[in-house]
Each structure stands twice: as C-alpha cells, then as structure tokens.
C-alpha atoms as a PDB file:
ATOM      1  CA  MET A   1       2.935   9.059 -12.343  1.00  0.00           C
ATOM      2  CA  HIS A   2       6.555   7.729 -12.151  1.00  0.00           C
ATOM      3  CA  ALA A   3       8.228   4.771 -13.433  1.00  0.00           C
ATOM      4  CA  LEU A   4       9.294   2.233 -11.103  1.00  0.00           C
ATOM      5  CA  ALA A   5      13.067   1.434 -10.611  1.00  0.00           C
ATOM      6  CA  PRO A   6      14.583  -1.474 -12.712  1.00  0.00           C
ATOM      7  CA  HIS A   7      14.862  -3.284  -9.073  1.00  0.00           C
ATOM      8  CA  SER A   8      11.692  -2.504  -6.971  1.00  0.00           C
ATOM      9  CA  VAL A   9       8.422  -3.893  -5.667  1.00  0.00           C
ATOM     10  CA  ALA A  10       5.028  -2.419  -5.410  1.00  0.00           C
ATOM     11  CA  ILE A  11       3.315  -3.440  -2.775  1.00  0.00           C
ATOM     12  CA  VAL A  12      -0.838  -3.153  -2.756  1.00  0.00           C
ATOM     13  CA  LEU A  13      -2.809  -3.354   0.230  1.00  0.00           C
ATOM     14  CA  GLY A  14      -6.254  -2.179   1.025  1.00  0.00           C
ATOM     15  CA  THR A  15      -6.626  -2.507   4.882  1.00  0.00           C
ATOM     16  CA  ARG A  16      -4.730  -1.776   7.833  1.00  0.00           C
ATOM     17  CA  PRO A  17      -4.435  -5.255   8.739  1.00  0.00           C
ATOM     18  CA  GLU A  18      -2.668  -5.943   6.141  1.00  0.00           C
ATOM     19  CA  LEU A  19      -0.295  -3.101   6.562  1.00  0.00           C
ATOM     20  CA  VAL A  20       0.123  -4.282  10.037  1.00  0.00           C
ATOM     21  CA  LYS A  21       1.063  -7.796   8.361  1.00  0.00           C
ATOM     22  CA  LEU A  22       3.481  -6.594   5.755  1.00  0.00           C
ATOM     23  CA  ALA A  23       5.232  -4.133   7.801  1.00  0.00           C
ATOM     24  CA  ASP A  24       8.349  -6.065   8.457  1.00  0.00           C
ATOM     25  CA  LEU A  25       8.608  -6.869   4.687  1.00  0.00           C
ATOM     26  CA  ILE A  26       8.318  -3.221   3.560  1.00  0.00           C
ATOM     27  CA  ARG A  27      10.788  -2.324   6.056  1.00  0.00           C
ATOM     28  CA  LEU A  28      13.208  -4.958   4.730  1.00  0.00           C
ATOM     29  CA  LEU A  29      12.993  -4.025   1.030  1.00  0.00           C
ATOM     30  CA  GLY A  30      13.701  -0.346   2.299  1.00  0.00           C
ATOM     31  CA  PRO A  31      13.379   2.395  -0.719  1.00  0.00           C
ATOM     32  CA  ALA A  32      13.084  -0.506  -3.042  1.00  0.00           C
ATOM     33  CA  VAL A  33       9.414  -0.517  -1.885  1.00  0.00           C
ATOM     34  CA  HIS A  34       6.530   1.347  -3.579  1.00  0.00           C
ATOM     35  CA  VAL A  35       3.558   0.532  -0.898  1.00  0.00           C
ATOM     36  CA  VAL A  36      -0.048   1.499  -2.755  1.00  0.00           C
ATOM     37  CA  HIS A  37      -2.839   1.910  -0.300  1.00  0.00           C
ATOM     38  CA  ALA A  38      -6.306   1.191  -2.050  1.00  0.00           C
ATOM     39  CA  GLY A  39      -8.056   2.471   0.735  1.00  0.00           C
ATOM     40  CA  SER A  40     -10.778  -0.291   0.815  1.00  0.00           C
ATOM     41  CA  THR A  41     -11.785   1.062   4.712  1.00  0.00           C
ATOM     42  CA  THR A  42     -13.589   4.214   4.188  1.00  0.00           C
ATOM     43  CA  THR A  43     -15.091   6.377   6.952  1.00  0.00           C
ATOM     44  CA  GLY A  44     -18.264   7.143   5.256  1.00  0.00           C
ATOM     45  CA  ASN A  45     -17.036   9.906   3.387  1.00  0.00           C
ATOM     46  CA  CYS A  46     -16.663   8.487   0.358  1.00  0.00           C
ATOM     47  CA  PRO A  47     -19.496   8.387  -2.220  1.00  0.00           C
ATOM     48  CA  ALA A  48     -18.710   4.773  -3.095  1.00  0.00           C
ATOM     49  CA  SER A  49     -19.528   3.916   0.631  1.00  0.00           C
ATOM     50  CA  SER A  50     -22.965   5.374   0.326  1.00  0.00           C
END
C-alpha cells in the first residue's frame, strides 16, 4: 500500500449507483483522486454472501 499525495482525495464507494453518481466528481479531480471500491454488491461467490 502506498501513501497518498499531500493534495489527494480518497473516495470510498460500495455500489455501482454510487460510482455513477460520483463519476463527474472523479473525472474533475483527475489524478488527485484514489477510488476505493468496497465491493458491497456481490455475485454470490463470496463467503460473506452465504
């Protein structure tokens, strides 16, 4: 894991609708943004979903 740059933003999201809603902001921030997808929507292949 690497440290974030001094002027960077981490955006944590868990579902596709959140990604769609935040897409313009992510594009606007460009290389200053680090997107973390929590993967809260699973396909049933994950042990946590059983």
